[in-house]
Structures are given as structure tokens and as C-alpha cells.
Amino acid sequence: MPASREPVPAEVTITRRRRAGGEKRSAVLDAVADVLAVRGYENTRFADVSAAGGVAISTLQTYFGSREDMVIEAMRVFTDREVDALRAVSAAEADPWRRLVALADRSLHNSERTRQVLVEFWRSAMRDDELRAYSAEVQTRYRAPFLAAVREGVERGAFTPTHDAETVTDLLLSALAGLIIFRVQREPRPMPAEFRDVLLAQLRLTLGVPASAEPHTRTD
């Protein structure tokens, strides 16, 4: 049976526009993300990015116009990359269960920088109307490969879930986002390895994945 794929929604239009930069712009945006991860949205200034990326403040002003536009564009580009990475993980695995495990691992084992930037993105979206609309669109795209894997597993008869695919996906993503917040705050618990074991065990039960299915041990 063909895979069930969640349609990708039309992207939210961001009114902030690129002003200049060409190929160098991507490297500058990486430097913005580095500073953002350490200093946060409110404290990421042109001077900080200039020091981190070796780019003159006047150049940054030409590229972005304002500090806010610079930081928000960096968050937008960063989150787009995360969505693209999930799509690549999804495309690389045909089996729905192994695909779900691989998608969960992408989130469970992302870098500290990634976690910090994501939390800053969520915080900023609470206060910026334009960014909030974009955040909703990003969440839909981020969620799509997880939901598609659950639906495909049901269609193939590999999953016999106790709840609908939407609810199962929401629960999984909520758990993954919760761990990101704990880790950004440097809480000693939950420990990532133990959290993964419990999360996948509960996901197996919720989806009705048989014990004979492919083991979910992470190898890296």
C-alpha cells in the first residue's frame, strides 16, 4: 500500500525581506544563531554578531536593516533547516516503526545549540504576531513526517493504535518538546537515554507494535 503522506501547507509569508548578502548571508545567519543560542533573543545585538562572525556592523545593517529582522530571519532559516532534516530522515526509512524511531532520535539527540535556538524561537513567537503565524506553519511541517509514519503504519496493519493518529502524534511531539525544555534548563532529569527507553516503550504500547518488530536500539 502506498505511503500516506501529510500534505505540506503553503508557507506563511514573512514580510521581512532579504536586503543583500548573497552567499555570505548564510554564514552570517549561522553566526547569528550561535549568538542567539548563548545570549537569547533580547540580547543578540549587531555588535555580538559582528564579533562572532567577523562582519562589520555596517554590513549587518545593510543585510538586515534592524536587529529584530536579523534575529528573526536567523530563527526562520534555522527552523526551516530542522524541518528539512526531518524530511530527509523520513525519506531514508521505509518501515513506519523504524522511521518513527529515527525521527524521535533526531529530536532526542540534537545539539545543545539546536535546543537553545528552538526554545528562543518558541519564546519569541509568543510576542511577535508575524513570527507566531510562521511558528504555526513550521509546527505543521515539523509534525507531518511523524503523522505520516503513524498513518502509514496503521494502513499497513503494522500498528493497531488505541487512539487516532493525530492524538498519538501530538503526544509524541509534546514529550519531545518537553525534554528539550528540561535540557535547555540543564535539569539533571530526565536523563535522555532513560527517557528514550520509556518513550519508545510507551509508543510501542500505544501503537500496538508487536514485540517481534525490528528492535529500536539506537546505534551511533
N, C-alpha and C. Protein backbone atom coordinates (compact mmCIF):
# COMPACT_ATOMS: atom_id res chain seq x y z
N MET A 1 0.85 -1.19 0.00
CA MET A 1 0.00 0.00 0.00
C MET A 1 0.89 1.24 0.00
N PRO A 2 0.60 2.26 -0.81
CA PRO A 2 1.45 3.43 -0.87
C PRO A 2 1.46 4.19 0.44
N ALA A 3 2.56 4.87 0.70
CA ALA A 3 2.70 5.60 1.95
C ALA A 3 1.70 6.74 2.01
N SER A 4 1.17 6.96 3.21
CA SER A 4 0.27 8.10 3.43
C SER A 4 1.12 9.29 3.85
N ARG A 5 1.10 10.32 3.06
CA ARG A 5 1.93 11.48 3.35
C ARG A 5 1.06 12.69 3.64
N GLU A 6 1.39 13.37 4.70
CA GLU A 6 0.65 14.57 5.08
C GLU A 6 0.97 15.67 4.09
N PRO A 7 -0.05 16.34 3.51
CA PRO A 7 0.22 17.42 2.58
C PRO A 7 0.96 18.56 3.27
N VAL A 8 1.93 19.13 2.58
CA VAL A 8 2.69 20.24 3.13
C VAL A 8 1.94 21.53 2.84
N PRO A 9 1.61 22.30 3.87
CA PRO A 9 0.82 23.51 3.67
C PRO A 9 1.63 24.60 2.98
N ALA A 10 0.91 25.54 2.39
CA ALA A 10 1.59 26.70 1.81
C ALA A 10 2.27 27.47 2.92
N GLU A 11 3.46 27.95 2.65
CA GLU A 11 4.24 28.61 3.68
C GLU A 11 3.67 29.99 3.99
N VAL A 12 3.76 30.37 5.26
CA VAL A 12 3.34 31.69 5.69
C VAL A 12 4.30 32.72 5.11
N THR A 13 3.75 33.79 4.58
CA THR A 13 4.58 34.84 4.00
C THR A 13 5.18 35.69 5.11
N ILE A 14 6.49 35.80 5.12
CA ILE A 14 7.18 36.66 6.08
C ILE A 14 7.43 38.00 5.40
N THR A 15 6.94 39.10 5.99
CA THR A 15 7.06 40.40 5.34
C THR A 15 8.48 40.95 5.41
N ARG A 16 9.27 40.46 6.36
CA ARG A 16 10.66 40.88 6.41
C ARG A 16 11.39 40.32 5.19
N ARG A 17 12.10 41.13 4.46
CA ARG A 17 12.70 40.72 3.21
C ARG A 17 14.22 40.80 3.25
N ARG A 18 14.86 39.94 2.50
CA ARG A 18 16.30 39.99 2.37
C ARG A 18 16.71 41.28 1.67
N ARG A 19 17.74 41.89 2.19
CA ARG A 19 18.20 43.16 1.62
C ARG A 19 19.46 42.99 0.79
N ALA A 20 20.36 42.11 1.20
CA ALA A 20 21.63 41.95 0.50
C ALA A 20 22.34 40.76 1.10
N GLY A 21 23.55 40.46 0.60
CA GLY A 21 24.38 39.47 1.26
C GLY A 21 24.86 38.35 0.40
N GLY A 22 24.02 37.89 -0.52
CA GLY A 22 24.44 36.81 -1.40
C GLY A 22 24.87 35.58 -0.63
N GLU A 23 25.95 34.94 -1.07
CA GLU A 23 26.41 33.69 -0.46
C GLU A 23 26.90 33.88 0.97
N LYS A 24 27.40 35.06 1.29
CA LYS A 24 27.91 35.31 2.64
C LYS A 24 26.79 35.36 3.68
N ARG A 25 25.58 35.60 3.20
CA ARG A 25 24.47 35.78 4.13
C ARG A 25 24.24 34.53 4.98
N SER A 26 24.37 33.35 4.37
CA SER A 26 24.15 32.11 5.10
C SER A 26 25.13 31.96 6.25
N ALA A 27 26.40 32.28 6.01
CA ALA A 27 27.40 32.20 7.08
C ALA A 27 27.09 33.20 8.19
N VAL A 28 26.63 34.37 7.81
CA VAL A 28 26.28 35.38 8.81
C VAL A 28 25.10 34.90 9.66
N LEU A 29 24.11 34.29 9.02
CA LEU A 29 22.95 33.78 9.76
C LEU A 29 23.35 32.67 10.72
N ASP A 30 24.33 31.87 10.34
CA ASP A 30 24.84 30.86 11.27
C ASP A 30 25.46 31.53 12.49
N ALA A 31 26.19 32.62 12.26
CA ALA A 31 26.78 33.35 13.39
C ALA A 31 25.70 33.95 14.28
N VAL A 32 24.63 34.44 13.66
CA VAL A 32 23.51 34.98 14.44
C VAL A 32 22.92 33.88 15.32
N ALA A 33 22.74 32.68 14.75
CA ALA A 33 22.19 31.57 15.54
C ALA A 33 23.11 31.19 16.69
N ASP A 34 24.43 31.24 16.46
CA ASP A 34 25.38 30.94 17.53
C ASP A 34 25.21 31.91 18.70
N VAL A 35 25.10 33.19 18.38
CA VAL A 35 24.95 34.21 19.41
C VAL A 35 23.59 34.07 20.09
N LEU A 36 22.57 33.83 19.29
CA LEU A 36 21.22 33.68 19.82
C LEU A 36 21.14 32.54 20.84
N ALA A 37 21.82 31.43 20.55
CA ALA A 37 21.80 30.29 21.45
C ALA A 37 22.40 30.63 22.81
N VAL A 38 23.37 31.52 22.83
CA VAL A 38 24.06 31.88 24.07
C VAL A 38 23.39 33.05 24.78
N ARG A 39 23.02 34.07 24.02
CA ARG A 39 22.57 35.34 24.62
C ARG A 39 21.06 35.50 24.65
N GLY A 40 20.33 34.76 23.84
CA GLY A 40 18.88 34.90 23.80
C GLY A 40 18.43 36.00 22.84
N TYR A 41 17.14 36.00 22.56
CA TYR A 41 16.58 36.93 21.58
C TYR A 41 16.82 38.39 21.94
N GLU A 42 16.53 38.74 23.19
CA GLU A 42 16.59 40.14 23.58
C GLU A 42 18.02 40.69 23.60
N ASN A 43 18.99 39.83 23.80
CA ASN A 43 20.38 40.27 23.99
C ASN A 43 21.30 39.97 22.82
N THR A 44 20.75 39.60 21.70
CA THR A 44 21.56 39.38 20.49
C THR A 44 21.61 40.68 19.71
N ARG A 45 22.78 41.32 19.71
CA ARG A 45 22.94 42.64 19.11
C ARG A 45 23.85 42.55 17.89
N PHE A 46 23.81 43.61 17.09
CA PHE A 46 24.71 43.69 15.94
C PHE A 46 26.17 43.52 16.39
N ALA A 47 26.53 44.17 17.51
CA ALA A 47 27.92 44.11 17.98
C ALA A 47 28.33 42.68 18.31
N ASP A 48 27.42 41.89 18.90
CA ASP A 48 27.73 40.50 19.26
C ASP A 48 27.95 39.65 18.01
N VAL A 49 27.07 39.83 17.03
CA VAL A 49 27.18 39.05 15.80
C VAL A 49 28.43 39.48 15.02
N SER A 50 28.73 40.75 15.05
CA SER A 50 29.94 41.25 14.39
C SER A 50 31.18 40.59 14.98
N ALA A 51 31.23 40.51 16.31
CA ALA A 51 32.38 39.89 16.97
C ALA A 51 32.44 38.40 16.69
N ALA A 52 31.30 37.74 16.66
CA ALA A 52 31.27 36.29 16.46
C ALA A 52 31.55 35.90 15.02
N GLY A 53 31.06 36.69 14.08
CA GLY A 53 31.16 36.31 12.67
C GLY A 53 32.20 37.07 11.88
N GLY A 54 32.85 38.05 12.51
CA GLY A 54 33.87 38.81 11.80
C GLY A 54 33.30 39.66 10.68
N VAL A 55 32.08 40.17 10.89
CA VAL A 55 31.41 41.00 9.89
C VAL A 55 31.17 42.38 10.49
N ALA A 56 31.43 43.41 9.73
CA ALA A 56 31.26 44.77 10.24
C ALA A 56 29.79 45.04 10.58
N ILE A 57 29.57 45.85 11.60
CA ILE A 57 28.21 46.21 11.99
C ILE A 57 27.49 46.90 10.84
N SER A 58 28.19 47.74 10.09
CA SER A 58 27.56 48.42 8.95
C SER A 58 27.10 47.41 7.90
N THR A 59 27.84 46.32 7.74
CA THR A 59 27.43 45.28 6.80
C THR A 59 26.18 44.58 7.27
N LEU A 60 26.11 44.29 8.57
CA LEU A 60 24.91 43.65 9.12
C LEU A 60 23.70 44.55 8.96
N GLN A 61 23.89 45.84 9.16
CA GLN A 61 22.78 46.77 8.98
C GLN A 61 22.31 46.81 7.53
N THR A 62 23.24 46.66 6.61
CA THR A 62 22.87 46.61 5.20
C THR A 62 22.13 45.33 4.88
N TYR A 63 22.60 44.21 5.44
CA TYR A 63 21.96 42.92 5.20
C TYR A 63 20.53 42.87 5.73
N PHE A 64 20.34 43.36 6.95
CA PHE A 64 19.09 43.07 7.66
C PHE A 64 18.24 44.29 8.01
N GLY A 65 18.83 45.47 8.04
CA GLY A 65 18.06 46.65 8.38
C GLY A 65 17.96 46.89 9.86
N SER A 66 17.42 45.94 10.60
CA SER A 66 17.27 46.10 12.05
C SER A 66 17.74 44.85 12.78
N ARG A 67 18.03 45.03 14.05
CA ARG A 67 18.44 43.90 14.89
C ARG A 67 17.35 42.84 14.93
N GLU A 68 16.10 43.27 15.09
CA GLU A 68 14.99 42.33 15.18
C GLU A 68 14.85 41.51 13.90
N ASP A 69 14.96 42.17 12.76
CA ASP A 69 14.85 41.44 11.49
C ASP A 69 15.97 40.43 11.34
N MET A 70 17.17 40.79 11.79
CA MET A 70 18.31 39.88 11.72
C MET A 70 18.06 38.62 12.54
N VAL A 71 17.61 38.80 13.78
CA VAL A 71 17.41 37.65 14.67
C VAL A 71 16.26 36.79 14.17
N ILE A 72 15.19 37.41 13.75
CA ILE A 72 14.03 36.64 13.30
C ILE A 72 14.34 35.88 12.02
N GLU A 73 15.09 36.48 11.11
CA GLU A 73 15.46 35.73 9.89
C GLU A 73 16.34 34.54 10.25
N ALA A 74 17.25 34.72 11.21
CA ALA A 74 18.10 33.60 11.61
C ALA A 74 17.27 32.46 12.19
N MET A 75 16.28 32.78 13.00
CA MET A 75 15.41 31.75 13.56
C MET A 75 14.60 31.06 12.47
N ARG A 76 14.13 31.84 11.50
CA ARG A 76 13.35 31.25 10.41
C ARG A 76 14.19 30.28 9.60
N VAL A 77 15.40 30.69 9.24
CA VAL A 77 16.28 29.83 8.46
C VAL A 77 16.65 28.58 9.26
N PHE A 78 16.92 28.76 10.54
CA PHE A 78 17.31 27.63 11.39
C PHE A 78 16.19 26.61 11.49
N THR A 79 14.96 27.07 11.73
CA THR A 79 13.85 26.13 11.87
C THR A 79 13.53 25.46 10.53
N ASP A 80 13.69 26.17 9.44
CA ASP A 80 13.50 25.55 8.12
C ASP A 80 14.48 24.39 7.93
N ARG A 81 15.71 24.58 8.37
CA ARG A 81 16.71 23.52 8.25
C ARG A 81 16.32 22.30 9.08
N GLU A 82 15.78 22.54 10.26
CA GLU A 82 15.35 21.42 11.10
C GLU A 82 14.23 20.63 10.44
N VAL A 83 13.30 21.34 9.83
CA VAL A 83 12.21 20.66 9.12
C VAL A 83 12.76 19.86 7.94
N ASP A 84 13.69 20.44 7.20
CA ASP A 84 14.30 19.73 6.07
C ASP A 84 15.05 18.49 6.55
N ALA A 85 15.70 18.58 7.71
CA ALA A 85 16.42 17.42 8.24
C ALA A 85 15.46 16.30 8.59
N LEU A 86 14.31 16.63 9.15
CA LEU A 86 13.31 15.61 9.46
C LEU A 86 12.79 14.95 8.19
N ARG A 87 12.59 15.73 7.15
CA ARG A 87 12.13 15.17 5.89
C ARG A 87 13.16 14.18 5.34
N ALA A 88 14.44 14.52 5.47
CA ALA A 88 15.49 13.63 4.99
C ALA A 88 15.52 12.33 5.79
N VAL A 89 15.35 12.42 7.12
CA VAL A 89 15.29 11.23 7.97
C VAL A 89 14.11 10.36 7.54
N SER A 90 12.97 10.99 7.32
CA SER A 90 11.77 10.26 6.93
C SER A 90 11.95 9.55 5.59
N ALA A 91 12.55 10.24 4.64
CA ALA A 91 12.72 9.67 3.30
C ALA A 91 13.69 8.50 3.29
N ALA A 92 14.57 8.43 4.28
CA ALA A 92 15.61 7.40 4.29
C ALA A 92 15.14 6.07 4.87
N GLU A 93 13.95 6.02 5.47
CA GLU A 93 13.49 4.80 6.15
C GLU A 93 12.09 4.42 5.68
N ALA A 94 11.96 3.22 5.10
CA ALA A 94 10.68 2.78 4.55
C ALA A 94 9.75 2.20 5.61
N ASP A 95 10.31 1.54 6.61
CA ASP A 95 9.49 0.90 7.63
C ASP A 95 8.91 1.95 8.59
N PRO A 96 7.58 1.98 8.80
CA PRO A 96 6.99 3.04 9.63
C PRO A 96 7.51 3.09 11.06
N TRP A 97 7.70 1.92 11.70
CA TRP A 97 8.18 1.93 13.08
C TRP A 97 9.61 2.44 13.17
N ARG A 98 10.48 1.90 12.33
CA ARG A 98 11.88 2.37 12.35
C ARG A 98 11.96 3.85 11.97
N ARG A 99 11.06 4.29 11.10
CA ARG A 99 11.04 5.70 10.73
C ARG A 99 10.66 6.58 11.93
N LEU A 100 9.65 6.15 12.68
CA LEU A 100 9.27 6.91 13.87
C LEU A 100 10.41 6.98 14.88
N VAL A 101 11.10 5.86 15.05
CA VAL A 101 12.23 5.84 15.99
C VAL A 101 13.32 6.80 15.51
N ALA A 102 13.61 6.78 14.21
CA ALA A 102 14.64 7.67 13.67
C ALA A 102 14.24 9.13 13.82
N LEU A 103 12.98 9.44 13.60
CA LEU A 103 12.51 10.81 13.77
C LEU A 103 12.60 11.25 15.23
N ALA A 104 12.21 10.37 16.13
CA ALA A 104 12.32 10.70 17.56
C ALA A 104 13.77 10.90 17.95
N ASP A 105 14.66 10.06 17.44
CA ASP A 105 16.08 10.19 17.76
C ASP A 105 16.66 11.50 17.27
N ARG A 106 16.16 11.98 16.14
CA ARG A 106 16.63 13.27 15.62
C ARG A 106 16.39 14.37 16.66
N SER A 107 15.24 14.31 17.30
CA SER A 107 14.93 15.31 18.33
C SER A 107 15.63 15.01 19.65
N LEU A 108 15.66 13.75 20.04
CA LEU A 108 16.24 13.39 21.33
C LEU A 108 17.73 13.69 21.41
N HIS A 109 18.40 13.59 20.28
CA HIS A 109 19.87 13.69 20.29
C HIS A 109 20.37 14.91 19.51
N ASN A 110 19.54 15.96 19.40
CA ASN A 110 20.04 17.14 18.72
C ASN A 110 21.02 17.89 19.62
N SER A 111 21.69 18.88 19.05
CA SER A 111 22.76 19.57 19.76
C SER A 111 22.20 20.58 20.76
N GLU A 112 23.05 20.98 21.69
CA GLU A 112 22.65 21.99 22.67
C GLU A 112 22.28 23.29 21.96
N ARG A 113 23.05 23.64 20.95
CA ARG A 113 22.76 24.85 20.17
C ARG A 113 21.37 24.78 19.55
N THR A 114 21.05 23.63 18.98
CA THR A 114 19.73 23.47 18.36
C THR A 114 18.63 23.63 19.39
N ARG A 115 18.79 23.00 20.54
CA ARG A 115 17.77 23.12 21.59
C ARG A 115 17.59 24.56 22.03
N GLN A 116 18.69 25.27 22.21
CA GLN A 116 18.61 26.65 22.67
C GLN A 116 17.93 27.55 21.65
N VAL A 117 18.28 27.38 20.38
CA VAL A 117 17.66 28.22 19.35
C VAL A 117 16.16 27.92 19.23
N LEU A 118 15.80 26.64 19.33
CA LEU A 118 14.38 26.29 19.25
C LEU A 118 13.58 26.93 20.39
N VAL A 119 14.13 26.90 21.60
CA VAL A 119 13.42 27.50 22.73
C VAL A 119 13.30 29.01 22.54
N GLU A 120 14.35 29.66 22.03
CA GLU A 120 14.26 31.09 21.76
C GLU A 120 13.21 31.38 20.68
N PHE A 121 13.13 30.50 19.70
CA PHE A 121 12.12 30.64 18.65
C PHE A 121 10.72 30.57 19.25
N TRP A 122 10.49 29.58 20.11
CA TRP A 122 9.17 29.44 20.75
C TRP A 122 8.85 30.65 21.61
N ARG A 123 9.83 31.12 22.38
CA ARG A 123 9.61 32.28 23.24
C ARG A 123 9.27 33.51 22.41
N SER A 124 10.01 33.74 21.36
CA SER A 124 9.81 34.93 20.53
C SER A 124 8.47 34.90 19.83
N ALA A 125 8.04 33.71 19.42
CA ALA A 125 6.76 33.58 18.72
C ALA A 125 5.58 33.93 19.63
N MET A 126 5.78 33.89 20.93
CA MET A 126 4.72 34.28 21.87
C MET A 126 4.40 35.76 21.77
N ARG A 127 5.37 36.57 21.31
CA ARG A 127 5.24 38.03 21.38
C ARG A 127 5.24 38.71 20.02
N ASP A 128 5.63 38.02 18.98
CA ASP A 128 5.71 38.59 17.64
C ASP A 128 4.62 37.96 16.78
N ASP A 129 3.63 38.75 16.36
CA ASP A 129 2.49 38.20 15.63
C ASP A 129 2.92 37.51 14.34
N GLU A 130 3.82 38.13 13.63
CA GLU A 130 4.28 37.56 12.37
C GLU A 130 5.01 36.25 12.61
N LEU A 131 5.86 36.24 13.61
CA LEU A 131 6.61 35.03 13.93
C LEU A 131 5.69 33.95 14.48
N ARG A 132 4.65 34.34 15.19
CA ARG A 132 3.70 33.37 15.72
C ARG A 132 3.00 32.63 14.57
N ALA A 133 2.60 33.37 13.55
CA ALA A 133 1.96 32.74 12.39
C ALA A 133 2.93 31.79 11.70
N TYR A 134 4.18 32.22 11.59
CA TYR A 134 5.18 31.35 10.97
C TYR A 134 5.45 30.13 11.83
N SER A 135 5.45 30.29 13.15
CA SER A 135 5.67 29.17 14.05
C SER A 135 4.59 28.10 13.87
N ALA A 136 3.35 28.52 13.69
CA ALA A 136 2.27 27.56 13.47
C ALA A 136 2.48 26.78 12.18
N GLU A 137 2.94 27.47 11.16
CA GLU A 137 3.20 26.79 9.88
C GLU A 137 4.38 25.83 9.99
N VAL A 138 5.43 26.24 10.72
CA VAL A 138 6.58 25.37 10.92
C VAL A 138 6.17 24.12 11.70
N GLN A 139 5.35 24.30 12.73
CA GLN A 139 4.91 23.16 13.52
C GLN A 139 4.15 22.15 12.67
N THR A 140 3.33 22.63 11.74
CA THR A 140 2.59 21.74 10.85
C THR A 140 3.55 20.93 9.99
N ARG A 141 4.58 21.58 9.46
CA ARG A 141 5.55 20.88 8.62
C ARG A 141 6.43 19.93 9.44
N TYR A 142 6.80 20.37 10.65
CA TYR A 142 7.61 19.54 11.53
C TYR A 142 6.85 18.27 11.92
N ARG A 143 5.56 18.40 12.16
CA ARG A 143 4.71 17.31 12.60
C ARG A 143 4.41 16.31 11.47
N ALA A 144 4.44 16.80 10.24
CA ALA A 144 3.96 16.00 9.10
C ALA A 144 4.64 14.64 8.96
N PRO A 145 5.98 14.51 9.04
CA PRO A 145 6.58 13.19 8.87
C PRO A 145 6.24 12.21 9.99
N PHE A 146 6.08 12.71 11.22
CA PHE A 146 5.66 11.84 12.32
C PHE A 146 4.25 11.31 12.07
N LEU A 147 3.35 12.21 11.71
CA LEU A 147 1.97 11.83 11.48
C LEU A 147 1.86 10.87 10.30
N ALA A 148 2.63 11.12 9.24
CA ALA A 148 2.60 10.25 8.07
C ALA A 148 3.06 8.84 8.42
N ALA A 149 4.09 8.74 9.27
CA ALA A 149 4.59 7.42 9.67
C ALA A 149 3.54 6.65 10.47
N VAL A 150 2.87 7.35 11.38
CA VAL A 150 1.82 6.68 12.16
C VAL A 150 0.69 6.23 11.25
N ARG A 151 0.25 7.09 10.37
CA ARG A 151 -0.85 6.73 9.46
C ARG A 151 -0.47 5.58 8.54
N GLU A 152 0.75 5.62 8.06
CA GLU A 152 1.19 4.54 7.17
C GLU A 152 1.25 3.21 7.91
N GLY A 153 1.74 3.24 9.16
CA GLY A 153 1.78 2.01 9.94
C GLY A 153 0.40 1.43 10.16
N VAL A 154 -0.60 2.31 10.38
CA VAL A 154 -1.98 1.85 10.54
C VAL A 154 -2.50 1.25 9.25
N GLU A 155 -2.24 1.92 8.13
CA GLU A 155 -2.72 1.44 6.83
C GLU A 155 -2.12 0.08 6.47
N ARG A 156 -0.86 -0.12 6.84
CA ARG A 156 -0.19 -1.39 6.54
C ARG A 156 -0.60 -2.51 7.49
N GLY A 157 -1.25 -2.15 8.58
CA GLY A 157 -1.58 -3.15 9.58
C GLY A 157 -0.46 -3.41 10.56
N ALA A 158 0.61 -2.60 10.48
CA ALA A 158 1.74 -2.75 11.40
C ALA A 158 1.43 -2.15 12.76
N PHE A 159 0.53 -1.15 12.80
CA PHE A 159 0.13 -0.51 14.04
C PHE A 159 -1.36 -0.77 14.28
N THR A 160 -1.69 -1.01 15.53
CA THR A 160 -3.10 -1.11 15.93
C THR A 160 -3.29 -0.17 17.12
N PRO A 161 -3.32 1.12 16.87
CA PRO A 161 -3.29 2.10 17.96
C PRO A 161 -4.57 2.13 18.78
N THR A 162 -4.42 2.53 20.04
CA THR A 162 -5.57 2.68 20.93
C THR A 162 -6.21 4.05 20.78
N HIS A 163 -5.54 4.96 20.08
CA HIS A 163 -6.07 6.30 19.82
C HIS A 163 -5.78 6.66 18.37
N ASP A 164 -6.41 7.74 17.90
CA ASP A 164 -6.22 8.12 16.49
C ASP A 164 -4.82 8.65 16.25
N ALA A 165 -4.41 8.65 14.98
CA ALA A 165 -3.04 9.02 14.60
C ALA A 165 -2.69 10.44 15.03
N GLU A 166 -3.64 11.36 14.92
CA GLU A 166 -3.38 12.75 15.31
C GLU A 166 -3.02 12.84 16.79
N THR A 167 -3.78 12.16 17.63
CA THR A 167 -3.54 12.22 19.07
C THR A 167 -2.21 11.58 19.45
N VAL A 168 -1.91 10.45 18.84
CA VAL A 168 -0.63 9.78 19.12
C VAL A 168 0.53 10.68 18.74
N THR A 169 0.43 11.32 17.57
CA THR A 169 1.50 12.22 17.12
C THR A 169 1.65 13.41 18.05
N ASP A 170 0.53 13.98 18.48
CA ASP A 170 0.59 15.12 19.40
C ASP A 170 1.28 14.74 20.71
N LEU A 171 0.96 13.55 21.21
CA LEU A 171 1.57 13.10 22.47
C LEU A 171 3.08 12.93 22.31
N LEU A 172 3.50 12.32 21.22
CA LEU A 172 4.92 12.10 20.98
C LEU A 172 5.66 13.43 20.88
N LEU A 173 5.13 14.37 20.10
CA LEU A 173 5.82 15.64 19.92
C LEU A 173 5.83 16.47 21.21
N SER A 174 4.77 16.37 21.99
CA SER A 174 4.75 17.08 23.28
C SER A 174 5.83 16.55 24.21
N ALA A 175 6.00 15.24 24.22
CA ALA A 175 7.05 14.65 25.06
C ALA A 175 8.43 15.09 24.60
N LEU A 176 8.66 15.11 23.30
CA LEU A 176 9.97 15.51 22.78
C LEU A 176 10.25 16.98 23.08
N ALA A 177 9.24 17.84 22.92
CA ALA A 177 9.43 19.26 23.22
C ALA A 177 9.69 19.48 24.71
N GLY A 178 9.01 18.71 25.54
CA GLY A 178 9.22 18.83 26.98
C GLY A 178 10.65 18.51 27.37
N LEU A 179 11.22 17.48 26.77
CA LEU A 179 12.60 17.13 27.09
C LEU A 179 13.56 18.24 26.65
N ILE A 180 13.29 18.86 25.50
CA ILE A 180 14.13 19.96 25.04
C ILE A 180 14.17 21.07 26.09
N ILE A 181 13.03 21.40 26.66
CA ILE A 181 12.97 22.46 27.67
C ILE A 181 13.76 22.07 28.92
N PHE A 182 13.59 20.84 29.38
CA PHE A 182 14.35 20.37 30.55
C PHE A 182 15.86 20.45 30.29
N ARG A 183 16.28 20.06 29.10
CA ARG A 183 17.71 20.04 28.81
C ARG A 183 18.28 21.44 28.66
N VAL A 184 17.52 22.35 28.09
CA VAL A 184 17.97 23.74 28.00
C VAL A 184 18.16 24.33 29.40
N GLN A 185 17.30 23.95 30.33
CA GLN A 185 17.43 24.42 31.70
C GLN A 185 18.48 23.66 32.50
N ARG A 186 19.11 22.69 31.85
CA ARG A 186 20.17 21.87 32.46
C ARG A 186 19.68 21.13 33.71
N GLU A 187 18.45 20.68 33.67
CA GLU A 187 17.92 19.86 34.75
C GLU A 187 18.58 18.48 34.71
N PRO A 188 18.90 17.89 35.86
CA PRO A 188 19.57 16.59 35.87
C PRO A 188 18.67 15.45 35.37
N ARG A 189 17.38 15.64 35.45
CA ARG A 189 16.43 14.63 34.98
C ARG A 189 15.35 15.32 34.16
N PRO A 190 14.77 14.59 33.20
CA PRO A 190 15.03 13.17 32.91
C PRO A 190 16.33 12.98 32.12
N MET A 191 16.96 11.85 32.33
CA MET A 191 18.17 11.52 31.59
C MET A 191 17.77 11.06 30.19
N PRO A 192 18.43 11.59 29.15
CA PRO A 192 18.00 11.32 27.77
C PRO A 192 17.89 9.84 27.41
N ALA A 193 18.86 9.03 27.81
CA ALA A 193 18.82 7.62 27.44
C ALA A 193 17.64 6.91 28.09
N GLU A 194 17.43 7.18 29.38
CA GLU A 194 16.30 6.56 30.07
C GLU A 194 14.97 7.07 29.52
N PHE A 195 14.92 8.36 29.24
CA PHE A 195 13.71 8.95 28.67
C PHE A 195 13.37 8.29 27.34
N ARG A 196 14.39 8.07 26.51
CA ARG A 196 14.17 7.43 25.21
C ARG A 196 13.59 6.04 25.38
N ASP A 197 14.15 5.25 26.30
CA ASP A 197 13.66 3.89 26.51
C ASP A 197 12.19 3.87 26.91
N VAL A 198 11.84 4.75 27.85
CA VAL A 198 10.44 4.80 28.31
C VAL A 198 9.53 5.32 27.21
N LEU A 199 9.97 6.37 26.51
CA LEU A 199 9.15 6.95 25.45
C LEU A 199 8.85 5.93 24.36
N LEU A 200 9.87 5.20 23.91
CA LEU A 200 9.66 4.22 22.84
C LEU A 200 8.85 3.03 23.32
N ALA A 201 9.04 2.65 24.59
CA ALA A 201 8.23 1.55 25.13
C ALA A 201 6.76 1.94 25.17
N GLN A 202 6.48 3.16 25.60
CA GLN A 202 5.09 3.62 25.65
C GLN A 202 4.52 3.81 24.26
N LEU A 203 5.35 4.27 23.34
CA LEU A 203 4.89 4.43 21.96
C LEU A 203 4.54 3.08 21.34
N ARG A 204 5.34 2.06 21.63
CA ARG A 204 5.03 0.71 21.17
C ARG A 204 3.65 0.26 21.67
N LEU A 205 3.41 0.48 22.96
CA LEU A 205 2.13 0.07 23.54
C LEU A 205 0.97 0.84 22.92
N THR A 206 1.16 2.14 22.78
CA THR A 206 0.10 2.98 22.24
C THR A 206 -0.23 2.61 20.80
N LEU A 207 0.79 2.27 20.04
CA LEU A 207 0.59 1.93 18.62
C LEU A 207 0.28 0.44 18.41
N GLY A 208 0.44 -0.36 19.45
CA GLY A 208 0.23 -1.79 19.29
C GLY A 208 1.28 -2.44 18.43
N VAL A 209 2.52 -1.97 18.54
CA VAL A 209 3.61 -2.54 17.76
C VAL A 209 4.02 -3.87 18.41
N PRO A 210 4.01 -4.96 17.65
CA PRO A 210 4.33 -6.26 18.26
C PRO A 210 5.78 -6.35 18.71
N ALA A 211 6.03 -7.17 19.70
CA ALA A 211 7.39 -7.33 20.23
C ALA A 211 8.35 -7.88 19.18
N SER A 212 7.80 -8.54 18.16
CA SER A 212 8.65 -9.13 17.12
C SER A 212 9.13 -8.10 16.11
N ALA A 213 8.64 -6.86 16.23
CA ALA A 213 9.07 -5.82 15.30
C ALA A 213 10.55 -5.53 15.47
N GLU A 214 11.10 -4.86 14.49
CA GLU A 214 12.53 -4.53 14.49
C GLU A 214 12.91 -3.86 15.81
N PRO A 215 14.00 -4.30 16.45
CA PRO A 215 14.42 -3.67 17.70
C PRO A 215 14.71 -2.19 17.51
N HIS A 216 14.56 -1.43 18.59
CA HIS A 216 14.70 0.01 18.47
C HIS A 216 15.98 0.54 19.09
N THR A 217 16.97 -0.33 19.29
CA THR A 217 18.23 0.11 19.88
C THR A 217 18.90 1.12 18.97
N ARG A 218 19.33 2.23 19.54
CA ARG A 218 20.00 3.25 18.75
C ARG A 218 21.47 2.88 18.61
N THR A 219 21.97 2.92 17.40
CA THR A 219 23.39 2.61 17.17
C THR A 219 24.06 3.81 16.55
N ASP A 220 24.99 4.41 17.27
CA ASP A 220 25.78 5.52 16.72
C ASP A 220 27.04 5.70 17.54
